[in-house]
Amino acid sequence: VHDECNGSDVFGSDICTCRPYLIQGIEESIKEAQKGGA
């Protein structure tokens, strides 16, 4: 569950962890789906 952060999510600002955590969430979601879940 991710709350919008334009600076990091879109432009990669490094003052927060928003985009890296979003990417991690996407990666973990993909892995779970590939195991038969979602």
PDB file of all heavy atoms in Angstrom:
ATOM      1  N   VAL A   1       0.875  -1.172   0.000  1.00  0.00           N
ATOM      2  CA  VAL A   1       0.000   0.000   0.000  1.00  0.00           C
ATOM      3  C   VAL A   1       0.910   1.220   0.000  1.00  0.00           C
ATOM      4  O   VAL A   1       1.658   1.446   0.952  1.00  0.00           O
ATOM      5  CB  VAL A   1      -0.933   0.006   1.221  1.00  0.00           C
ATOM      6  CG1 VAL A   1      -1.748   1.298   1.245  1.00  0.00           C
ATOM      7  CG2 VAL A   1      -1.859  -1.204   1.188  1.00  0.00           C
ATOM      8  N   HIS A   2       0.853   2.003  -1.072  1.00  0.00           N
ATOM      9  CA  HIS A   2       1.826   3.071  -1.298  1.00  0.00           C
ATOM     10  C   HIS A   2       1.108   4.404  -1.428  1.00  0.00           C
ATOM     11  O   HIS A   2       0.131   4.531  -2.167  1.00  0.00           O
ATOM     12  CB  HIS A   2       2.600   2.777  -2.590  1.00  0.00           C
ATOM     13  CG  HIS A   2       3.788   3.660  -2.807  1.00  0.00           C
ATOM     14  ND1 HIS A   2       5.043   3.344  -2.348  1.00  0.00           N
ATOM     15  CD2 HIS A   2       3.912   4.854  -3.442  1.00  0.00           C
ATOM     16  CE1 HIS A   2       5.898   4.291  -2.700  1.00  0.00           C
ATOM     17  NE2 HIS A   2       5.232   5.225  -3.358  1.00  0.00           N
ATOM     18  N   ASP A   3       1.596   5.403  -0.719  1.00  0.00           N
ATOM     19  CA  ASP A   3       1.037   6.746  -0.805  1.00  0.00           C
ATOM     20  C   ASP A   3       1.920   7.611  -1.698  1.00  0.00           C
ATOM     21  O   ASP A   3       3.149   7.617  -1.560  1.00  0.00           O
ATOM     22  CB  ASP A   3       0.910   7.367   0.587  1.00  0.00           C
ATOM     23  CG  ASP A   3      -0.116   6.640   1.445  1.00  0.00           C
ATOM     24  OD1 ASP A   3      -1.095   6.120   0.875  1.00  0.00           O
ATOM     25  OD2 ASP A   3       0.068   6.575   2.675  1.00  0.00           O
ATOM     26  N   GLU A   4       1.292   8.325  -2.581  1.00  0.00           N
ATOM     27  CA  GLU A   4       1.956   9.085  -3.638  1.00  0.00           C
ATOM     28  C   GLU A   4       3.116   9.940  -3.132  1.00  0.00           C
ATOM     29  O   GLU A   4       3.019  10.614  -2.107  1.00  0.00           O
ATOM     30  CB  GLU A   4       0.928   9.990  -4.316  1.00  0.00           C
ATOM     31  CG  GLU A   4       1.485  10.873  -5.415  1.00  0.00           C
ATOM     32  CD  GLU A   4       0.437  11.800  -5.988  1.00  0.00           C
ATOM     33  OE1 GLU A   4      -0.520  12.144  -5.269  1.00  0.00           O
ATOM     34  OE2 GLU A   4       0.566  12.174  -7.162  1.00  0.00           O
ATOM     35  N   CYS A   5       4.223   9.909  -3.892  1.00  0.00           N
ATOM     36  CA  CYS A   5       5.366  10.791  -3.652  1.00  0.00           C
ATOM     37  C   CYS A   5       5.946  11.131  -5.017  1.00  0.00           C
ATOM     38  O   CYS A   5       6.785  10.402  -5.544  1.00  0.00           O
ATOM     39  CB  CYS A   5       6.406  10.118  -2.758  1.00  0.00           C
ATOM     40  SG  CYS A   5       7.894  11.128  -2.533  1.00  0.00           S
ATOM     41  N   ASN A   6       5.488  12.220  -5.596  1.00  0.00           N
ATOM     42  CA  ASN A   6       5.874  12.575  -6.953  1.00  0.00           C
ATOM     43  C   ASN A   6       7.384  12.713  -7.109  1.00  0.00           C
ATOM     44  O   ASN A   6       7.972  12.224  -8.075  1.00  0.00           O
ATOM     45  CB  ASN A   6       5.184  13.886  -7.354  1.00  0.00           C
ATOM     46  CG  ASN A   6       5.483  14.301  -8.772  1.00  0.00           C
ATOM     47  OD1 ASN A   6       5.141  13.614  -9.713  1.00  0.00           O
ATOM     48  ND2 ASN A   6       6.143  15.438  -8.922  1.00  0.00           N
ATOM     49  N   GLY A   7       8.022  13.361  -6.148  1.00  0.00           N
ATOM     50  CA  GLY A   7       9.462  13.605  -6.254  1.00  0.00           C
ATOM     51  C   GLY A   7      10.266  12.335  -6.372  1.00  0.00           C
ATOM     52  O   GLY A   7      11.188  12.235  -7.184  1.00  0.00           O
ATOM     53  N   SER A   8       9.953  11.335  -5.567  1.00  0.00           N
ATOM     54  CA  SER A   8      10.690  10.071  -5.597  1.00  0.00           C
ATOM     55  C   SER A   8      10.109   9.097  -6.620  1.00  0.00           C
ATOM     56  O   SER A   8      10.836   8.548  -7.442  1.00  0.00           O
ATOM     57  CB  SER A   8      10.676   9.429  -4.207  1.00  0.00           C
ATOM     58  OG  SER A   8      11.336   8.177  -4.220  1.00  0.00           O
ATOM     59  N   ASP A   9       8.785   8.888  -6.586  1.00  0.00           N
ATOM     60  CA  ASP A   9       8.161   7.886  -7.454  1.00  0.00           C
ATOM     61  C   ASP A   9       8.420   8.157  -8.927  1.00  0.00           C
ATOM     62  O   ASP A   9       8.671   7.237  -9.706  1.00  0.00           O
ATOM     63  CB  ASP A   9       6.646   7.853  -7.226  1.00  0.00           C
ATOM     64  CG  ASP A   9       6.267   7.401  -5.833  1.00  0.00           C
ATOM     65  OD1 ASP A   9       7.119   6.823  -5.141  1.00  0.00           O
ATOM     66  OD2 ASP A   9       5.099   7.626  -5.436  1.00  0.00           O
ATOM     67  N   VAL A  10       8.340   9.418  -9.313  1.00  0.00           N
ATOM     68  CA  VAL A  10       8.458   9.783 -10.738  1.00  0.00           C
ATOM     69  C   VAL A  10       9.864  10.249 -11.092  1.00  0.00           C
ATOM     70  O   VAL A  10      10.437   9.819 -12.094  1.00  0.00           O
ATOM     71  CB  VAL A  10       7.433  10.880 -11.105  1.00  0.00           C
ATOM     72  CG1 VAL A  10       7.581  11.280 -12.569  1.00  0.00           C
ATOM     73  CG2 VAL A  10       6.012  10.405 -10.817  1.00  0.00           C
ATOM     74  N   PHE A  11      10.447  11.114 -10.239  1.00  0.00           N
ATOM     75  CA  PHE A  11      11.705  11.763 -10.605  1.00  0.00           C
ATOM     76  C   PHE A  11      12.930  11.203  -9.879  1.00  0.00           C
ATOM     77  O   PHE A  11      14.056  11.621 -10.160  1.00  0.00           O
ATOM     78  CB  PHE A  11      11.605  13.274 -10.356  1.00  0.00           C
ATOM     79  CG  PHE A  11      10.626  13.955 -11.276  1.00  0.00           C
ATOM     80  CD1 PHE A  11       9.332  14.248 -10.853  1.00  0.00           C
ATOM     81  CD2 PHE A  11      10.983  14.288 -12.571  1.00  0.00           C
ATOM     82  CE1 PHE A  11       8.428  14.867 -11.704  1.00  0.00           C
ATOM     83  CE2 PHE A  11      10.082  14.897 -13.426  1.00  0.00           C
ATOM     84  CZ  PHE A  11       8.804  15.188 -12.993  1.00  0.00           C
ATOM     85  N   GLY A  12      12.742  10.278  -8.958  1.00  0.00           N
ATOM     86  CA  GLY A  12      13.885   9.622  -8.324  1.00  0.00           C
ATOM     87  C   GLY A  12      14.599  10.436  -7.272  1.00  0.00           C
ATOM     88  O   GLY A  12      15.766  10.167  -6.970  1.00  0.00           O
ATOM     89  N   SER A  13      13.955  11.432  -6.673  1.00  0.00           N
ATOM     90  CA  SER A  13      14.579  12.200  -5.594  1.00  0.00           C
ATOM     91  C   SER A  13      15.032  11.254  -4.488  1.00  0.00           C
ATOM     92  O   SER A  13      14.303  10.338  -4.100  1.00  0.00           O
ATOM     93  CB  SER A  13      13.576  13.217  -5.046  1.00  0.00           C
ATOM     94  OG  SER A  13      14.085  13.866  -3.896  1.00  0.00           O
ATOM     95  N   ASP A  14      16.237  11.483  -3.955  1.00  0.00           N
ATOM     96  CA  ASP A  14      16.821  10.525  -3.002  1.00  0.00           C
ATOM     97  C   ASP A  14      16.638  10.919  -1.548  1.00  0.00           C
ATOM     98  O   ASP A  14      17.280  10.359  -0.668  1.00  0.00           O
ATOM     99  CB  ASP A  14      18.304  10.308  -3.314  1.00  0.00           C
ATOM    100  CG  ASP A  14      19.179  11.491  -2.897  1.00  0.00           C
ATOM    101  OD1 ASP A  14      18.647  12.593  -2.677  1.00  0.00           O
ATOM    102  OD2 ASP A  14      20.413  11.296  -2.801  1.00  0.00           O
ATOM    103  N   ILE A  15      15.760  11.883  -1.243  1.00  0.00           N
ATOM    104  CA  ILE A  15      15.560  12.304   0.135  1.00  0.00           C
ATOM    105  C   ILE A  15      14.634  11.352   0.890  1.00  0.00           C
ATOM    106  O   ILE A  15      14.489  11.432   2.101  1.00  0.00           O
ATOM    107  CB  ILE A  15      15.012  13.744   0.198  1.00  0.00           C
ATOM    108  CG1 ILE A  15      15.216  14.343   1.603  1.00  0.00           C
ATOM    109  CG2 ILE A  15      13.539  13.785  -0.207  1.00  0.00           C
ATOM    110  CD1 ILE A  15      14.894  15.817   1.696  1.00  0.00           C
ATOM    111  N   CYS A  16      13.990  10.435   0.165  1.00  0.00           N
ATOM    112  CA  CYS A  16      13.094   9.483   0.817  1.00  0.00           C
ATOM    113  C   CYS A  16      13.205   8.123   0.130  1.00  0.00           C
ATOM    114  O   CYS A  16      13.860   7.974  -0.902  1.00  0.00           O
ATOM    115  CB  CYS A  16      11.646   9.976   0.795  1.00  0.00           C
ATOM    116  SG  CYS A  16      10.971  10.175  -0.862  1.00  0.00           S
ATOM    117  N   THR A  17      12.534   7.145   0.694  1.00  0.00           N
ATOM    118  CA  THR A  17      12.626   5.761   0.194  1.00  0.00           C
ATOM    119  C   THR A  17      11.417   5.365  -0.643  1.00  0.00           C
ATOM    120  O   THR A  17      11.225   4.187  -0.929  1.00  0.00           O
ATOM    121  CB  THR A  17      12.727   4.789   1.379  1.00  0.00           C
ATOM    122  OG1 THR A  17      11.566   4.955   2.217  1.00  0.00           O
ATOM    123  CG2 THR A  17      13.984   5.031   2.194  1.00  0.00           C
ATOM    124  N   CYS A  18      10.606   6.322  -1.061  1.00  0.00           N
ATOM    125  CA  CYS A  18       9.321   5.986  -1.677  1.00  0.00           C
ATOM    126  C   CYS A  18       9.469   5.135  -2.946  1.00  0.00           C
ATOM    127  O   CYS A  18       8.858   4.072  -3.051  1.00  0.00           O
ATOM    128  CB  CYS A  18       8.538   7.256  -1.959  1.00  0.00           C
ATOM    129  SG  CYS A  18       8.045   8.122  -0.443  1.00  0.00           S
ATOM    130  N   ARG A  19      10.267   5.596  -3.920  1.00  0.00           N
ATOM    131  CA  ARG A  19      10.390   4.799  -5.141  1.00  0.00           C
ATOM    132  C   ARG A  19      11.056   3.449  -4.878  1.00  0.00           C
ATOM    133  O   ARG A  19      10.567   2.416  -5.365  1.00  0.00           O
ATOM    134  CB  ARG A  19      11.133   5.568  -6.230  1.00  0.00           C
ATOM    135  CG  ARG A  19      11.208   4.766  -7.552  1.00  0.00           C
ATOM    136  CD  ARG A  19      11.893   5.532  -8.672  1.00  0.00           C
ATOM    137  NE  ARG A  19      12.037   4.707  -9.857  1.00  0.00           N
ATOM    138  CZ  ARG A  19      11.178   4.652 -10.871  1.00  0.00           C
ATOM    139  NH1 ARG A  19      10.075   5.385 -10.831  1.00  0.00           N
ATOM    140  NH2 ARG A  19      11.381   3.873 -11.913  1.00  0.00           N
ATOM    141  N   PRO A  20      12.165   3.381  -4.130  1.00  0.00           N
ATOM    142  CA  PRO A  20      12.745   2.059  -3.870  1.00  0.00           C
ATOM    143  C   PRO A  20      11.766   1.094  -3.201  1.00  0.00           C
ATOM    144  O   PRO A  20      11.725  -0.089  -3.547  1.00  0.00           O
ATOM    145  CB  PRO A  20      13.932   2.376  -2.953  1.00  0.00           C
ATOM    146  CG  PRO A  20      14.307   3.772  -3.276  1.00  0.00           C
ATOM    147  CD  PRO A  20      13.014   4.461  -3.593  1.00  0.00           C
ATOM    148  N   TYR A  21      10.977   1.610  -2.265  1.00  0.00           N
ATOM    149  CA  TYR A  21      10.013   0.738  -1.589  1.00  0.00           C
ATOM    150  C   TYR A  21       8.894   0.330  -2.551  1.00  0.00           C
ATOM    151  O   TYR A  21       8.389  -0.803  -2.498  1.00  0.00           O
ATOM    152  CB  TYR A  21       9.425   1.452  -0.373  1.00  0.00           C
ATOM    153  CG  TYR A  21       9.281   0.571   0.854  1.00  0.00           C
ATOM    154  CD1 TYR A  21       9.119   1.135   2.119  1.00  0.00           C
ATOM    155  CD2 TYR A  21       9.292  -0.824   0.780  1.00  0.00           C
ATOM    156  CE1 TYR A  21       8.993   0.353   3.252  1.00  0.00           C
ATOM    157  CE2 TYR A  21       9.165  -1.613   1.898  1.00  0.00           C
ATOM    158  CZ  TYR A  21       9.018  -1.024   3.133  1.00  0.00           C
ATOM    159  OH  TYR A  21       8.888  -1.809   4.253  1.00  0.00           O
ATOM    160  N   LEU A  22       8.493   1.250  -3.432  1.00  0.00           N
ATOM    161  CA  LEU A  22       7.496   0.926  -4.449  1.00  0.00           C
ATOM    162  C   LEU A  22       8.012  -0.178  -5.370  1.00  0.00           C
ATOM    163  O   LEU A  22       7.292  -1.146  -5.670  1.00  0.00           O
ATOM    164  CB  LEU A  22       7.148   2.180  -5.257  1.00  0.00           C
ATOM    165  CG  LEU A  22       6.177   1.999  -6.429  1.00  0.00           C
ATOM    166  CD1 LEU A  22       4.829   1.472  -5.959  1.00  0.00           C
ATOM    167  CD2 LEU A  22       6.008   3.322  -7.184  1.00  0.00           C
ATOM    168  N   ILE A  23       9.256  -0.048  -5.810  1.00  0.00           N
ATOM    169  CA  ILE A  23       9.854  -1.067  -6.674  1.00  0.00           C
ATOM    170  C   ILE A  23       9.936  -2.408  -5.954  1.00  0.00           C
ATOM    171  O   ILE A  23       9.651  -3.469  -6.529  1.00  0.00           O
ATOM    172  CB  ILE A  23      11.253  -0.630  -7.155  1.00  0.00           C
ATOM    173  CG1 ILE A  23      11.159   0.645  -8.006  1.00  0.00           C
ATOM    174  CG2 ILE A  23      11.928  -1.751  -7.938  1.00  0.00           C
ATOM    175  CD1 ILE A  23      10.346   0.503  -9.262  1.00  0.00           C
ATOM    176  N   GLN A  24      10.321  -2.376  -4.671  1.00  0.00           N
ATOM    177  CA  GLN A  24      10.358  -3.619  -3.912  1.00  0.00           C
ATOM    178  C   GLN A  24       8.970  -4.256  -3.848  1.00  0.00           C
ATOM    179  O   GLN A  24       8.822  -5.478  -3.995  1.00  0.00           O
ATOM    180  CB  GLN A  24      10.886  -3.389  -2.496  1.00  0.00           C
ATOM    181  CG  GLN A  24      11.040  -4.695  -1.709  1.00  0.00           C
ATOM    182  CD  GLN A  24      11.196  -4.481  -0.218  1.00  0.00           C
ATOM    183  OE1 GLN A  24      11.015  -3.374   0.278  1.00  0.00           O
ATOM    184  NE2 GLN A  24      11.529  -5.537   0.505  1.00  0.00           N
ATOM    185  N   GLY A  25       7.951  -3.431  -3.633  1.00  0.00           N
ATOM    186  CA  GLY A  25       6.591  -3.943  -3.601  1.00  0.00           C
ATOM    187  C   GLY A  25       6.186  -4.591  -4.908  1.00  0.00           C
ATOM    188  O   GLY A  25       5.518  -5.633  -4.927  1.00  0.00           O
ATOM    189  N   ILE A  26       6.610  -3.988  -6.020  1.00  0.00           N
ATOM    190  CA  ILE A  26       6.307  -4.562  -7.335  1.00  0.00           C
ATOM    191  C   ILE A  26       7.047  -5.883  -7.524  1.00  0.00           C
ATOM    192  O   ILE A  26       6.473  -6.884  -7.985  1.00  0.00           O
ATOM    193  CB  ILE A  26       6.663  -3.561  -8.446  1.00  0.00           C
ATOM    194  CG1 ILE A  26       5.734  -2.348  -8.376  1.00  0.00           C
ATOM    195  CG2 ILE A  26       6.589  -4.223  -9.817  1.00  0.00           C
ATOM    196  CD1 ILE A  26       6.118  -1.219  -9.308  1.00  0.00           C
ATOM    197  N   GLU A  27       8.323  -5.913  -7.158  1.00  0.00           N
ATOM    198  CA  GLU A  27       9.101  -7.149  -7.292  1.00  0.00           C
ATOM    199  C   GLU A  27       8.487  -8.277  -6.476  1.00  0.00           C
ATOM    200  O   GLU A  27       8.328  -9.408  -6.966  1.00  0.00           O
ATOM    201  CB  GLU A  27      10.550  -6.921  -6.852  1.00  0.00           C
ATOM    202  CG  GLU A  27      11.419  -6.240  -7.888  1.00  0.00           C
ATOM    203  CD  GLU A  27      12.898  -6.405  -7.581  1.00  0.00           C
ATOM    204  OE1 GLU A  27      13.295  -7.490  -7.079  1.00  0.00           O
ATOM    205  OE2 GLU A  27      13.664  -5.454  -7.835  1.00  0.00           O
ATOM    206  N   GLU A  28       8.165  -7.996  -5.223  1.00  0.00           N
ATOM    207  CA  GLU A  28       7.592  -9.033  -4.363  1.00  0.00           C
ATOM    208  C   GLU A  28       6.229  -9.474  -4.886  1.00  0.00           C
ATOM    209  O   GLU A  28       5.864 -10.658  -4.772  1.00  0.00           O
ATOM    210  CB  GLU A  28       7.479  -8.524  -2.925  1.00  0.00           C
ATOM    211  CG  GLU A  28       8.814  -8.236  -2.253  1.00  0.00           C
ATOM    212  CD  GLU A  28       9.689  -9.480  -2.136  1.00  0.00           C
ATOM    213  OE1 GLU A  28       9.138 -10.589  -1.974  1.00  0.00           O
ATOM    214  OE2 GLU A  28      10.929  -9.342  -2.196  1.00  0.00           O
ATOM    215  N   SER A  29       5.470  -8.560  -5.454  1.00  0.00           N
ATOM    216  CA  SER A  29       4.173  -8.899  -6.033  1.00  0.00           C
ATOM    217  C   SER A  29       4.330  -9.838  -7.222  1.00  0.00           C
ATOM    218  O   SER A  29       3.571 -10.803  -7.386  1.00  0.00           O
ATOM    219  CB  SER A  29       3.436  -7.621  -6.464  1.00  0.00           C
ATOM    220  OG  SER A  29       3.073  -6.842  -5.342  1.00  0.00           O
ATOM    221  N   ILE A  30       5.327  -9.550  -8.058  1.00  0.00           N
ATOM    222  CA  ILE A  30       5.589 -10.416  -9.211  1.00  0.00           C
ATOM    223  C   ILE A  30       5.981 -11.816  -8.755  1.00  0.00           C
ATOM    224  O   ILE A  30       5.469 -12.829  -9.274  1.00  0.00           O
ATOM    225  CB  ILE A  30       6.693  -9.799 -10.096  1.00  0.00           C
ATOM    226  CG1 ILE A  30       6.205  -8.500 -10.746  1.00  0.00           C
ATOM    227  CG2 ILE A  30       7.151 -10.793 -11.169  1.00  0.00           C
ATOM    228  CD1 ILE A  30       7.306  -7.692 -11.408  1.00  0.00           C
ATOM    229  N   LYS A  31       6.871 -11.895  -7.783  1.00  0.00           N
ATOM    230  CA  LYS A  31       7.331 -13.200  -7.292  1.00  0.00           C
ATOM    231  C   LYS A  31       6.175 -14.016  -6.728  1.00  0.00           C
ATOM    232  O   LYS A  31       6.071 -15.227  -6.966  1.00  0.00           O
ATOM    233  CB  LYS A  31       8.412 -13.012  -6.230  1.00  0.00           C
ATOM    234  CG  LYS A  31       9.720 -12.455  -6.749  1.00  0.00           C
ATOM    235  CD  LYS A  31      10.682 -12.172  -5.598  1.00  0.00           C
ATOM    236  CE  LYS A  31      11.958 -11.513  -6.075  1.00  0.00           C
ATOM    237  NZ  LYS A  31      12.855 -11.150  -4.936  1.00  0.00           N
ATOM    238  N   GLU A  32       5.289 -13.353  -5.979  1.00  0.00           N
ATOM    239  CA  GLU A  32       4.152 -14.073  -5.387  1.00  0.00           C
ATOM    240  C   GLU A  32       3.217 -14.577  -6.474  1.00  0.00           C
ATOM    241  O   GLU A  32       2.694 -15.702  -6.390  1.00  0.00           O
ATOM    242  CB  GLU A  32       3.415 -13.156  -4.420  1.00  0.00           C
ATOM    243  CG  GLU A  32       2.693 -13.881  -3.302  1.00  0.00           C
ATOM    244  CD  GLU A  32       3.655 -14.573  -2.342  1.00  0.00           C
ATOM    245  OE1 GLU A  32       4.711 -13.987  -2.014  1.00  0.00           O
ATOM    246  OE2 GLU A  32       3.336 -15.708  -1.930  1.00  0.00           O
ATOM    247  N   ALA A  33       3.008 -13.766  -7.506  1.00  0.00           N
ATOM    248  CA  ALA A  33       2.146 -14.176  -8.608  1.00  0.00           C
ATOM    249  C   ALA A  33       2.748 -15.354  -9.367  1.00  0.00           C
ATOM    250  O   ALA A  33       2.038 -16.277  -9.783  1.00  0.00           O
ATOM    251  CB  ALA A  33       1.910 -12.998  -9.550  1.00  0.00           C
ATOM    252  N   GLN A  34       4.059 -15.337  -9.538  1.00  0.00           N
ATOM    253  CA  GLN A  34       4.722 -16.428 -10.260  1.00  0.00           C
ATOM    254  C   GLN A  34       4.694 -17.742  -9.478  1.00  0.00           C
ATOM    255  O   GLN A  34       4.844 -18.810 -10.055  1.00  0.00           O
ATOM    256  CB  GLN A  34       6.161 -16.041 -10.588  1.00  0.00           C
ATOM    257  CG  GLN A  34       6.271 -14.959 -11.660  1.00  0.00           C
ATOM    258  CD  GLN A  34       7.702 -14.560 -11.952  1.00  0.00           C
ATOM    259  OE1 GLN A  34       8.550 -14.541 -11.057  1.00  0.00           O
ATOM    260  NE2 GLN A  34       7.980 -14.215 -13.196  1.00  0.00           N
ATOM    261  N   LYS A  35       4.451 -17.650  -8.164  1.00  0.00           N
ATOM    262  CA  LYS A  35       4.340 -18.852  -7.339  1.00  0.00           C
ATOM    263  C   LYS A  35       2.906 -19.388  -7.290  1.00  0.00           C
ATOM    264  O   LYS A  35       2.621 -20.353  -6.577  1.00  0.00           O
ATOM    265  CB  LYS A  35       4.833 -18.569  -5.914  1.00  0.00           C
ATOM    266  CG  LYS A  35       6.336 -18.320  -5.827  1.00  0.00           C
ATOM    267  CD  LYS A  35       6.827 -18.257  -4.394  1.00  0.00           C
ATOM    268  CE  LYS A  35       6.292 -17.051  -3.660  1.00  0.00           C
ATOM    269  NZ  LYS A  35       6.873 -16.927  -2.295  1.00  0.00           N
ATOM    270  N   GLY A  36       2.006 -18.736  -8.027  1.00  0.00           N
ATOM    271  CA  GLY A  36       0.619 -19.185  -8.058  1.00  0.00           C
ATOM    272  C   GLY A  36      -0.330 -18.352  -7.229  1.00  0.00           C
ATOM    273  O   GLY A  36      -1.542 -18.604  -7.210  1.00  0.00           O
ATOM    274  N   GLY A  37       0.207 -17.370  -6.516  1.00  0.00           N
ATOM    275  CA  GLY A  37      -0.636 -16.461  -5.748  1.00  0.00           C
ATOM    276  C   GLY A  37      -0.939 -15.210  -6.551  1.00  0.00           C
ATOM    277  O   GLY A  37      -1.184 -15.271  -7.756  1.00  0.00           O
ATOM    278  N   ALA A  38      -0.903 -14.084  -5.868  1.00  0.00           N
ATOM    279  CA  ALA A  38      -1.145 -12.816  -6.551  1.00  0.00           C
ATOM    280  C   ALA A  38      -0.353 -11.724  -5.850  1.00  0.00           C
ATOM    281  O   ALA A  38       0.069 -11.860  -4.697  1.00  0.00           O
ATOM    282  CB  ALA A  38      -2.636 -12.465  -6.545  1.00  0.00           C
TER     283      ALA A  38
END
